[in-house]
Amino acid sequence: MANVGFIGTGEIAAAMVCGLTGQGHVISVSARGAAMAAELTAFDDVEIAPNQSVIDVSDIVVLCLLKDVAHAILPTLKFRADQRIISVMVDVSLADLNTLCAPVTDVEITIPLPFVATGGCPLPVYPKAVTVDTLFGAKNPVFAVKTEVGLNAHFAATAMASVTFAQAQHASEWLGELTDDPHAAEQYVVAMLGGFLQGLPQDGQGRLADALAALNTEGGLNQTLRQHMEDRDVLGDLSGGLDGFRGRLGLPPI
């Protein structure tokens, strides 16, 4: 068990804290994000403390700040060489973290999503996955990514979640107008998509390709709608949107 501290207390930090409580850890959260921090103290193993106090009592420090805030706050704090750092911050590189958190050298970057609170959240990690796996591996699949570019590409891919939700919302609203029952329409769309995703095999490559092939009956509704979208280059437009992150995330240019 470990003393785990969180600098920055927003939605993702709160989800990570919820995923750790009840396991014997001593968890400290910073007062930044005061309302969220106060809610987390409902857990017996969570306490609020000033930033430096969080660092002073922690073996593992989890950084959950925006880029500009990190560059402003972290240089004012004193870390210890024996501490371990987990960063969940987009746009803050490993080189930056090594400078901002010196003399700490044990640094990992990962990408938790809100459902890390309950488990089943895939956690790509760079440059190694030891600390993240120690804290979250029991409930979540943790895997090391070979390069920082690869990790940053995972950051970009997470953005497709809002696109998928927007499409699902649009379809449920369309359905609700025709059924005059928007609540049931949204329930149906969510359950339908959830059922398809849960039905995918848990390992192996080609799962999405196989699922698409199964929905590709000639002249069927699925094939017809997807062809309509492909004819309008909606999928290509998604690739273009992802490519738009290349400069920001340090990905190779096209």
C-alpha atoms as a PDB file:
ATOM      1  CA  MET A   1       0.000   0.000   0.000  1.00  0.00           C
ATOM      2  CA  ALA A   2       1.192   3.544  -0.674  1.00  0.00           C
ATOM      3  CA  ASN A   3       0.765   7.165   0.259  1.00  0.00           C
ATOM      4  CA  VAL A   4      -0.691   8.677  -2.914  1.00  0.00           C
ATOM      5  CA  GLY A   5      -1.065  12.398  -3.500  1.00  0.00           C
ATOM      6  CA  PHE A   6      -3.006  14.263  -6.187  1.00  0.00           C
ATOM      7  CA  ILE A   7      -2.036  17.742  -7.356  1.00  0.00           C
ATOM      8  CA  GLY A   8      -5.074  19.132  -9.140  1.00  0.00           C
ATOM      9  CA  THR A   9      -8.527  17.829  -8.290  1.00  0.00           C
ATOM     10  CA  GLY A  10     -10.813  17.785 -11.297  1.00  0.00           C
ATOM     11  CA  GLU A  11     -13.000  15.108 -12.867  1.00  0.00           C
ATOM     12  CA  ILE A  12     -10.179  12.760 -13.862  1.00  0.00           C
ATOM     13  CA  ALA A  13      -8.384  13.085 -10.522  1.00  0.00           C
ATOM     14  CA  ALA A  14     -11.659  12.353  -8.737  1.00  0.00           C
ATOM     15  CA  ALA A  15     -12.226   9.257 -10.876  1.00  0.00           C
ATOM     16  CA  MET A  16      -8.730   8.000 -10.082  1.00  0.00           C
ATOM     17  CA  VAL A  17      -9.237   8.613  -6.372  1.00  0.00           C
ATOM     18  CA  CYS A  18     -12.540   6.706  -6.459  1.00  0.00           C
ATOM     19  CA  GLY A  19     -10.747   3.834  -8.160  1.00  0.00           C
ATOM     20  CA  LEU A  20      -8.122   3.703  -5.394  1.00  0.00           C
ATOM     21  CA  THR A  21     -10.185   4.101  -2.241  1.00  0.00           C
ATOM     22  CA  GLY A  22     -10.765   1.151   0.038  1.00  0.00           C
ATOM     23  CA  GLN A  23      -7.510  -0.591  -0.911  1.00  0.00           C
ATOM     24  CA  GLY A  24      -5.401   0.476   2.061  1.00  0.00           C
ATOM     25  CA  HIS A  25      -3.776   3.507   0.448  1.00  0.00           C
ATOM     26  CA  VAL A  26      -3.499   6.851   2.242  1.00  0.00           C
ATOM     27  CA  ILE A  27      -4.712   9.421  -0.269  1.00  0.00           C
ATOM     28  CA  SER A  28      -4.103  13.171  -0.137  1.00  0.00           C
ATOM     29  CA  VAL A  29      -5.705  15.615  -2.569  1.00  0.00           C
ATOM     30  CA  SER A  30      -4.832  19.241  -3.143  1.00  0.00           C
ATOM     31  CA  ALA A  31      -7.282  21.985  -2.377  1.00  0.00           C
ATOM     32  CA  ARG A  32      -7.131  23.086  -6.013  1.00  0.00           C
ATOM     33  CA  GLY A  33     -10.584  22.173  -7.256  1.00  0.00           C
ATOM     34  CA  ALA A  34     -11.938  22.759  -3.739  1.00  0.00           C
ATOM     35  CA  ALA A  35     -15.510  21.609  -4.347  1.00  0.00           C
ATOM     36  CA  MET A  36     -14.428  18.306  -5.871  1.00  0.00           C
ATOM     37  CA  ALA A  37     -11.796  17.804  -3.177  1.00  0.00           C
ATOM     38  CA  ALA A  38     -14.393  18.327  -0.457  1.00  0.00           C
ATOM     39  CA  GLU A  39     -16.631  15.672  -2.010  1.00  0.00           C
ATOM     40  CA  LEU A  40     -13.769  13.178  -2.018  1.00  0.00           C
ATOM     41  CA  THR A  41     -13.228  13.544   1.724  1.00  0.00           C
ATOM     42  CA  ALA A  42     -16.418  11.535   2.145  1.00  0.00           C
ATOM     43  CA  PHE A  43     -14.031   8.589   1.767  1.00  0.00           C
ATOM     44  CA  ASP A  44     -12.313   7.710   5.046  1.00  0.00           C
ATOM     45  CA  ASP A  45      -8.906   7.301   3.399  1.00  0.00           C
ATOM     46  CA  VAL A  46      -8.888  10.714   1.661  1.00  0.00           C
ATOM     47  CA  GLU A  47      -7.758  14.029   3.121  1.00  0.00           C
ATOM     48  CA  ILE A  48      -7.292  17.548   1.732  1.00  0.00           C
ATOM     49  CA  ALA A  49      -3.966  19.346   2.118  1.00  0.00           C
ATOM     50  CA  PRO A  50      -2.026  22.230   0.535  1.00  0.00           C
ATOM     51  CA  ASN A  51       0.044  21.329  -2.527  1.00  0.00           C
ATOM     52  CA  GLN A  52       3.378  21.120  -0.739  1.00  0.00           C
ATOM     53  CA  SER A  53       1.904  19.104   2.114  1.00  0.00           C
ATOM     54  CA  VAL A  54       0.456  16.639  -0.406  1.00  0.00           C
ATOM     55  CA  ILE A  55       3.924  16.152  -1.874  1.00  0.00           C
ATOM     56  CA  ASP A  56       5.610  15.930   1.526  1.00  0.00           C
ATOM     57  CA  VAL A  57       3.491  12.969   2.668  1.00  0.00           C
ATOM     58  CA  SER A  58       3.298  11.091  -0.658  1.00  0.00           C
ATOM     59  CA  ASP A  59       5.348   8.248  -2.095  1.00  0.00           C
ATOM     60  CA  ILE A  60       3.507   8.574  -5.419  1.00  0.00           C
ATOM     61  CA  VAL A  61       2.370  11.967  -6.743  1.00  0.00           C
ATOM     62  CA  VAL A  62      -0.280  12.114  -9.468  1.00  0.00           C
ATOM     63  CA  LEU A  63      -0.256  15.335 -11.501  1.00  0.00           C
ATOM     64  CA  CYS A  64      -3.640  16.387 -12.888  1.00  0.00           C
ATOM     65  CA  LEU A  65      -3.122  19.988 -13.988  1.00  0.00           C
ATOM     66  CA  LEU A  66      -3.565  21.945 -17.189  1.00  0.00           C
ATOM     67  CA  LYS A  67      -0.341  22.643 -19.050  1.00  0.00           C
ATOM     68  CA  ASP A  68      -0.061  26.340 -18.159  1.00  0.00           C
ATOM     69  CA  VAL A  69      -0.979  25.702 -14.528  1.00  0.00           C
ATOM     70  CA  ALA A  70       1.602  22.922 -14.301  1.00  0.00           C
ATOM     71  CA  HIS A  71       4.355  25.184 -15.594  1.00  0.00           C
ATOM     72  CA  ALA A  72       3.335  27.866 -13.096  1.00  0.00           C
ATOM     73  CA  ILE A  73       2.857  25.706  -9.990  1.00  0.00           C
ATOM     74  CA  LEU A  74       5.258  22.772 -10.172  1.00  0.00           C
ATOM     75  CA  PRO A  75       8.494  24.838 -10.111  1.00  0.00           C
ATOM     76  CA  THR A  76       7.357  26.302  -6.757  1.00  0.00           C
ATOM     77  CA  LEU A  77       7.073  22.857  -5.151  1.00  0.00           C
ATOM     78  CA  LYS A  78       9.813  20.683  -3.688  1.00  0.00           C
ATOM     79  CA  PHE A  79       9.912  17.026  -4.682  1.00  0.00           C
ATOM     80  CA  ARG A  80      12.110  14.234  -3.314  1.00  0.00           C
ATOM     81  CA  ALA A  81      14.388  12.048  -5.407  1.00  0.00           C
ATOM     82  CA  ASP A  82      12.794   8.864  -4.045  1.00  0.00           C
ATOM     83  CA  GLN A  83       9.278   9.779  -5.139  1.00  0.00           C
ATOM     84  CA  ARG A  84       7.399   8.445  -8.150  1.00  0.00           C
ATOM     85  CA  ILE A  85       5.366  10.648 -10.481  1.00  0.00           C
ATOM     86  CA  ILE A  86       2.319   9.758 -12.569  1.00  0.00           C
ATOM     87  CA  SER A  87       1.269  12.488 -14.990  1.00  0.00           C
ATOM     88  CA  VAL A  88      -2.114  12.519 -16.709  1.00  0.00           C
ATOM     89  CA  MET A  89      -1.475  15.926 -18.290  1.00  0.00           C
ATOM     90  CA  VAL A  90      -1.802  16.439 -22.035  1.00  0.00           C
ATOM     91  CA  ASP A  91       0.798  18.692 -23.702  1.00  0.00           C
ATOM     92  CA  VAL A  92       3.373  18.187 -20.916  1.00  0.00           C
ATOM     93  CA  SER A  93       6.236  16.050 -22.205  1.00  0.00           C
ATOM     94  CA  LEU A  94       8.434  13.640 -20.316  1.00  0.00           C
ATOM     95  CA  ALA A  95      11.355  16.058 -20.747  1.00  0.00           C
ATOM     96  CA  ASP A  96       9.245  18.848 -19.227  1.00  0.00           C
ATOM     97  CA  LEU A  97       8.238  16.616 -16.320  1.00  0.00           C
ATOM     98  CA  ASN A  98      11.838  15.670 -15.606  1.00  0.00           C
ATOM     99  CA  THR A  99      12.611  19.370 -15.269  1.00  0.00           C
ATOM    100  CA  LEU A 100       9.447  20.425 -13.435  1.00  0.00           C
ATOM    101  CA  CYS A 101       9.624  17.570 -10.910  1.00  0.00           C
ATOM    102  CA  ALA A 102      13.402  17.383 -10.395  1.00  0.00           C
ATOM    103  CA  PRO A 103      15.070  15.618  -8.662  1.00  0.00           C
ATOM    104  CA  VAL A 104      12.463  12.890  -9.332  1.00  0.00           C
ATOM    105  CA  THR A 105      13.521  10.541 -12.135  1.00  0.00           C
ATOM    106  CA  ASP A 106      10.784   7.883 -11.869  1.00  0.00           C
ATOM    107  CA  VAL A 107       8.087   9.420 -14.065  1.00  0.00           C
ATOM    108  CA  GLU A 108       5.225   7.768 -15.976  1.00  0.00           C
ATOM    109  CA  ILE A 109       2.597   9.385 -18.213  1.00  0.00           C
ATOM    110  CA  THR A 110      -0.809   7.786 -18.704  1.00  0.00           C
ATOM    111  CA  ILE A 111      -4.318   8.583 -19.964  1.00  0.00           C
ATOM    112  CA  PRO A 112      -7.090   7.675 -17.516  1.00  0.00           C
ATOM    113  CA  LEU A 113     -10.692   8.101 -18.601  1.00  0.00           C
ATOM    114  CA  PRO A 114     -13.619   8.756 -16.231  1.00  0.00           C
ATOM    115  CA  PHE A 115     -14.542   5.072 -15.951  1.00  0.00           C
ATOM    116  CA  VAL A 116     -11.204   4.328 -14.283  1.00  0.00           C
ATOM    117  CA  ALA A 117     -13.322   4.897 -11.179  1.00  0.00           C
ATOM    118  CA  THR A 118     -15.072   1.555 -11.682  1.00  0.00           C
ATOM    119  CA  GLY A 119     -12.469  -0.363 -13.700  1.00  0.00           C
ATOM    120  CA  GLY A 120     -12.038  -1.641 -17.213  1.00  0.00           C
ATOM    121  CA  CYS A 121     -10.269   1.529 -18.360  1.00  0.00           C
ATOM    122  CA  PRO A 122      -7.389   0.911 -20.802  1.00  0.00           C
ATOM    123  CA  LEU A 123      -4.280   2.712 -19.531  1.00  0.00           C
ATOM    124  CA  PRO A 124      -1.477   3.250 -22.049  1.00  0.00           C
ATOM    125  CA  VAL A 125       1.708   4.331 -20.236  1.00  0.00           C
ATOM    126  CA  TYR A 126       5.055   5.795 -21.265  1.00  0.00           C
ATOM    127  CA  PRO A 127       7.954   5.128 -20.747  1.00  0.00           C
ATOM    128  CA  LYS A 128       7.176   2.187 -18.437  1.00  0.00           C
ATOM    129  CA  ALA A 129       4.074   0.938 -16.674  1.00  0.00           C
ATOM    130  CA  VAL A 130       5.309  -0.136 -13.248  1.00  0.00           C
ATOM    131  CA  THR A 131       3.754   2.482 -10.948  1.00  0.00           C
ATOM    132  CA  VAL A 132       0.515   2.778 -12.908  1.00  0.00           C
ATOM    133  CA  ASP A 133       0.160  -0.997 -12.916  1.00  0.00           C
ATOM    134  CA  THR A 134       0.824  -1.153  -9.171  1.00  0.00           C
ATOM    135  CA  LEU A 135      -1.992   1.280  -8.426  1.00  0.00           C
ATOM    136  CA  PHE A 136      -4.544   0.536 -11.136  1.00  0.00           C
ATOM    137  CA  GLY A 137      -3.626  -2.773 -12.751  1.00  0.00           C
ATOM    138  CA  ALA A 138      -5.923  -4.915 -10.616  1.00  0.00           C
ATOM    139  CA  LYS A 139      -9.021  -3.334 -12.180  1.00  0.00           C
ATOM    140  CA  ASN A 140      -7.765  -1.932 -15.474  1.00  0.00           C
ATOM    141  CA  PRO A 141      -5.725  -3.206 -18.454  1.00  0.00           C
ATOM    142  CA  VAL A 142      -2.349  -1.420 -18.273  1.00  0.00           C
ATOM    143  CA  PHE A 143       0.179  -1.536 -21.115  1.00  0.00           C
ATOM    144  CA  ALA A 144       3.442   0.240 -21.887  1.00  0.00           C
ATOM    145  CA  VAL A 145       3.681   2.234 -25.125  1.00  0.00           C
ATOM    146  CA  LYS A 146       6.996   2.093 -26.987  1.00  0.00           C
ATOM    147  CA  THR A 147       7.403   5.818 -27.689  1.00  0.00           C
ATOM    148  CA  GLU A 148       6.151   9.165 -26.447  1.00  0.00           C
ATOM    149  CA  VAL A 149       4.795   9.818 -29.938  1.00  0.00           C
ATOM    150  CA  GLY A 150       2.744   6.637 -29.581  1.00  0.00           C
ATOM    151  CA  LEU A 151       1.375   7.769 -26.234  1.00  0.00           C
ATOM    152  CA  ASN A 152       0.454  11.179 -27.625  1.00  0.00           C
ATOM    153  CA  ALA A 153      -1.378   9.465 -30.472  1.00  0.00           C
ATOM    154  CA  HIS A 154      -3.469   7.717 -27.806  1.00  0.00           C
ATOM    155  CA  PHE A 155      -4.296  11.160 -26.363  1.00  0.00           C
ATOM    156  CA  ALA A 156      -5.571  12.151 -29.818  1.00  0.00           C
ATOM    157  CA  ALA A 157      -7.639   8.979 -30.214  1.00  0.00           C
ATOM    158  CA  THR A 158      -9.511   9.644 -26.966  1.00  0.00           C
ATOM    159  CA  ALA A 159     -11.071  12.683 -28.655  1.00  0.00           C
ATOM    160  CA  MET A 160     -13.195  10.426 -30.852  1.00  0.00           C
ATOM    161  CA  ALA A 161     -15.364   9.642 -27.816  1.00  0.00           C
ATOM    162  CA  SER A 162     -17.167  12.977 -28.099  1.00  0.00           C
ATOM    163  CA  VAL A 163     -17.686  12.391 -31.841  1.00  0.00           C
ATOM    164  CA  THR A 164     -19.215   8.981 -31.172  1.00  0.00           C
ATOM    165  CA  PHE A 165     -21.468  10.362 -28.428  1.00  0.00           C
ATOM    166  CA  ALA A 166     -22.552  13.234 -30.671  1.00  0.00           C
ATOM    167  CA  GLN A 167     -23.535  10.791 -33.418  1.00  0.00           C
ATOM    168  CA  ALA A 168     -25.407   8.627 -30.908  1.00  0.00           C
ATOM    169  CA  GLN A 169     -27.224  11.673 -29.550  1.00  0.00           C
ATOM    170  CA  HIS A 170     -28.153  12.791 -33.054  1.00  0.00           C
ATOM    171  CA  ALA A 171     -29.513   9.338 -33.926  1.00  0.00           C
ATOM    172  CA  SER A 172     -31.494   9.098 -30.682  1.00  0.00           C
ATOM    173  CA  GLU A 173     -33.036  12.535 -31.275  1.00  0.00           C
ATOM    174  CA  TRP A 174     -33.976  11.496 -34.827  1.00  0.00           C
ATOM    175  CA  LEU A 175     -35.544   8.305 -33.468  1.00  0.00           C
ATOM    176  CA  GLY A 176     -37.334  10.152 -30.668  1.00  0.00           C
ATOM    177  CA  GLU A 177     -39.011  12.519 -33.106  1.00  0.00           C
ATOM    178  CA  LEU A 178     -40.485   9.559 -34.991  1.00  0.00           C
ATOM    179  CA  THR A 179     -41.516   7.557 -31.919  1.00  0.00           C
ATOM    180  CA  ASP A 180     -42.645  10.548 -29.828  1.00  0.00           C
ATOM    181  CA  ASP A 181     -40.686   9.012 -26.945  1.00  0.00           C
ATOM    182  CA  PRO A 182     -37.227  10.642 -26.746  1.00  0.00           C
ATOM    183  CA  HIS A 183     -36.397   8.984 -23.421  1.00  0.00           C
ATOM    184  CA  ALA A 184     -36.976   5.459 -24.746  1.00  0.00           C
ATOM    185  CA  ALA A 185     -35.184   6.365 -27.984  1.00  0.00           C
ATOM    186  CA  GLU A 186     -32.034   7.360 -26.139  1.00  0.00           C
ATOM    187  CA  GLN A 187     -32.230   4.233 -23.956  1.00  0.00           C
ATOM    188  CA  TYR A 188     -32.481   2.114 -27.097  1.00  0.00           C
ATOM    189  CA  VAL A 189     -29.523   3.715 -28.885  1.00  0.00           C
ATOM    190  CA  VAL A 190     -27.282   3.496 -25.805  1.00  0.00           C
ATOM    191  CA  ALA A 191     -28.237  -0.137 -25.129  1.00  0.00           C
ATOM    192  CA  MET A 192     -27.798  -1.078 -28.788  1.00  0.00           C
ATOM    193  CA  LEU A 193     -24.298   0.383 -29.050  1.00  0.00           C
ATOM    194  CA  GLY A 194     -23.332  -0.972 -25.639  1.00  0.00           C
ATOM    195  CA  GLY A 195     -24.474  -4.449 -26.629  1.00  0.00           C
ATOM    196  CA  PHE A 196     -22.424  -4.428 -29.813  1.00  0.00           C
ATOM    197  CA  LEU A 197     -19.290  -3.250 -27.980  1.00  0.00           C
ATOM    198  CA  GLN A 198     -19.678  -5.703 -25.118  1.00  0.00           C
ATOM    199  CA  GLY A 199     -20.105  -8.510 -27.621  1.00  0.00           C
ATOM    200  CA  LEU A 200     -16.680  -7.961 -29.174  1.00  0.00           C
ATOM    201  CA  PRO A 201     -13.985 -10.512 -28.272  1.00  0.00           C
ATOM    202  CA  GLN A 202     -11.753  -9.327 -25.463  1.00  0.00           C
ATOM    203  CA  ASP A 203      -8.456 -10.013 -27.193  1.00  0.00           C
ATOM    204  CA  GLY A 204      -6.979 -10.403 -30.634  1.00  0.00           C
ATOM    205  CA  GLN A 205      -6.724  -8.084 -33.626  1.00  0.00           C
ATOM    206  CA  GLY A 206      -9.351  -7.418 -36.235  1.00  0.00           C
ATOM    207  CA  ARG A 207     -12.277  -7.207 -33.837  1.00  0.00           C
ATOM    208  CA  LEU A 208     -13.647  -4.012 -35.329  1.00  0.00           C
ATOM    209  CA  ALA A 209     -13.087  -5.241 -38.883  1.00  0.00           C
ATOM    210  CA  ASP A 210     -14.929  -8.473 -38.082  1.00  0.00           C
ATOM    211  CA  ALA A 211     -17.799  -6.543 -36.488  1.00  0.00           C
ATOM    212  CA  LEU A 212     -18.078  -4.311 -39.557  1.00  0.00           C
ATOM    213  CA  ALA A 213     -18.023  -7.319 -41.845  1.00  0.00           C
ATOM    214  CA  ALA A 214     -20.870  -8.892 -39.864  1.00  0.00           C
ATOM    215  CA  LEU A 215     -22.896  -5.709 -40.405  1.00  0.00           C
ATOM    216  CA  ASN A 216     -22.124  -5.544 -44.130  1.00  0.00           C
ATOM    217  CA  THR A 217     -25.044  -7.475 -45.581  1.00  0.00           C
ATOM    218  CA  GLU A 218     -25.449  -6.464 -49.208  1.00  0.00           C
ATOM    219  CA  GLY A 219     -28.251  -3.901 -49.448  1.00  0.00           C
ATOM    220  CA  GLY A 220     -28.793  -4.012 -45.680  1.00  0.00           C
ATOM    221  CA  LEU A 221     -29.549  -0.966 -43.575  1.00  0.00           C
ATOM    222  CA  ASN A 222     -26.103  -0.878 -41.956  1.00  0.00           C
ATOM    223  CA  GLN A 223     -24.246  -1.079 -45.253  1.00  0.00           C
ATOM    224  CA  THR A 224     -26.527   1.530 -46.840  1.00  0.00           C
ATOM    225  CA  LEU A 225     -26.059   4.091 -44.070  1.00  0.00           C
ATOM    226  CA  ARG A 226     -22.304   3.556 -43.855  1.00  0.00           C
ATOM    227  CA  GLN A 227     -21.996   3.916 -47.632  1.00  0.00           C
ATOM    228  CA  HIS A 228     -23.937   7.180 -47.378  1.00  0.00           C
ATOM    229  CA  MET A 229     -21.446   8.446 -44.792  1.00  0.00           C
ATOM    230  CA  GLU A 230     -18.425   7.208 -46.753  1.00  0.00           C
ATOM    231  CA  ASP A 231     -19.661   8.885 -49.948  1.00  0.00           C
ATOM    232  CA  ARG A 232     -19.600  12.180 -48.035  1.00  0.00           C
ATOM    233  CA  ASP A 233     -16.095  11.406 -46.704  1.00  0.00           C
ATOM    234  CA  VAL A 234     -17.232  11.525 -43.081  1.00  0.00           C
ATOM    235  CA  LEU A 235     -14.597   8.933 -42.152  1.00  0.00           C
ATOM    236  CA  GLY A 236     -11.950  10.849 -44.046  1.00  0.00           C
ATOM    237  CA  ASP A 237     -13.017  13.977 -42.217  1.00  0.00           C
ATOM    238  CA  LEU A 238     -12.463  12.144 -38.914  1.00  0.00           C
ATOM    239  CA  SER A 239      -8.937  11.299 -40.023  1.00  0.00           C
ATOM    240  CA  GLY A 240      -8.447  14.952 -40.898  1.00  0.00           C
ATOM    241  CA  GLY A 241      -9.582  15.994 -37.449  1.00  0.00           C
ATOM    242  CA  LEU A 242      -7.171  13.565 -35.817  1.00  0.00           C
ATOM    243  CA  ASP A 243      -4.382  14.793 -38.083  1.00  0.00           C
ATOM    244  CA  GLY A 244      -5.119  18.279 -36.789  1.00  0.00           C
ATOM    245  CA  PHE A 245      -3.592  17.212 -33.462  1.00  0.00           C
ATOM    246  CA  ARG A 246      -0.223  16.358 -35.017  1.00  0.00           C
ATOM    247  CA  GLY A 247       1.379  19.739 -34.386  1.00  0.00           C
ATOM    248  CA  ARG A 248      -0.006  20.163 -30.897  1.00  0.00           C
ATOM    249  CA  LEU A 249       0.957  16.663 -29.736  1.00  0.00           C
ATOM    250  CA  GLY A 250       4.302  16.402 -31.489  1.00  0.00           C
ATOM    251  CA  LEU A 251       3.178  13.682 -33.897  1.00  0.00           C
ATOM    252  CA  PRO A 252       4.970  13.181 -37.235  1.00  0.00           C
ATOM    253  CA  PRO A 253       3.683  15.476 -40.006  1.00  0.00           C
ATOM    254  CA  ILE A 254       1.742  13.940 -42.867  1.00  0.00           C
END
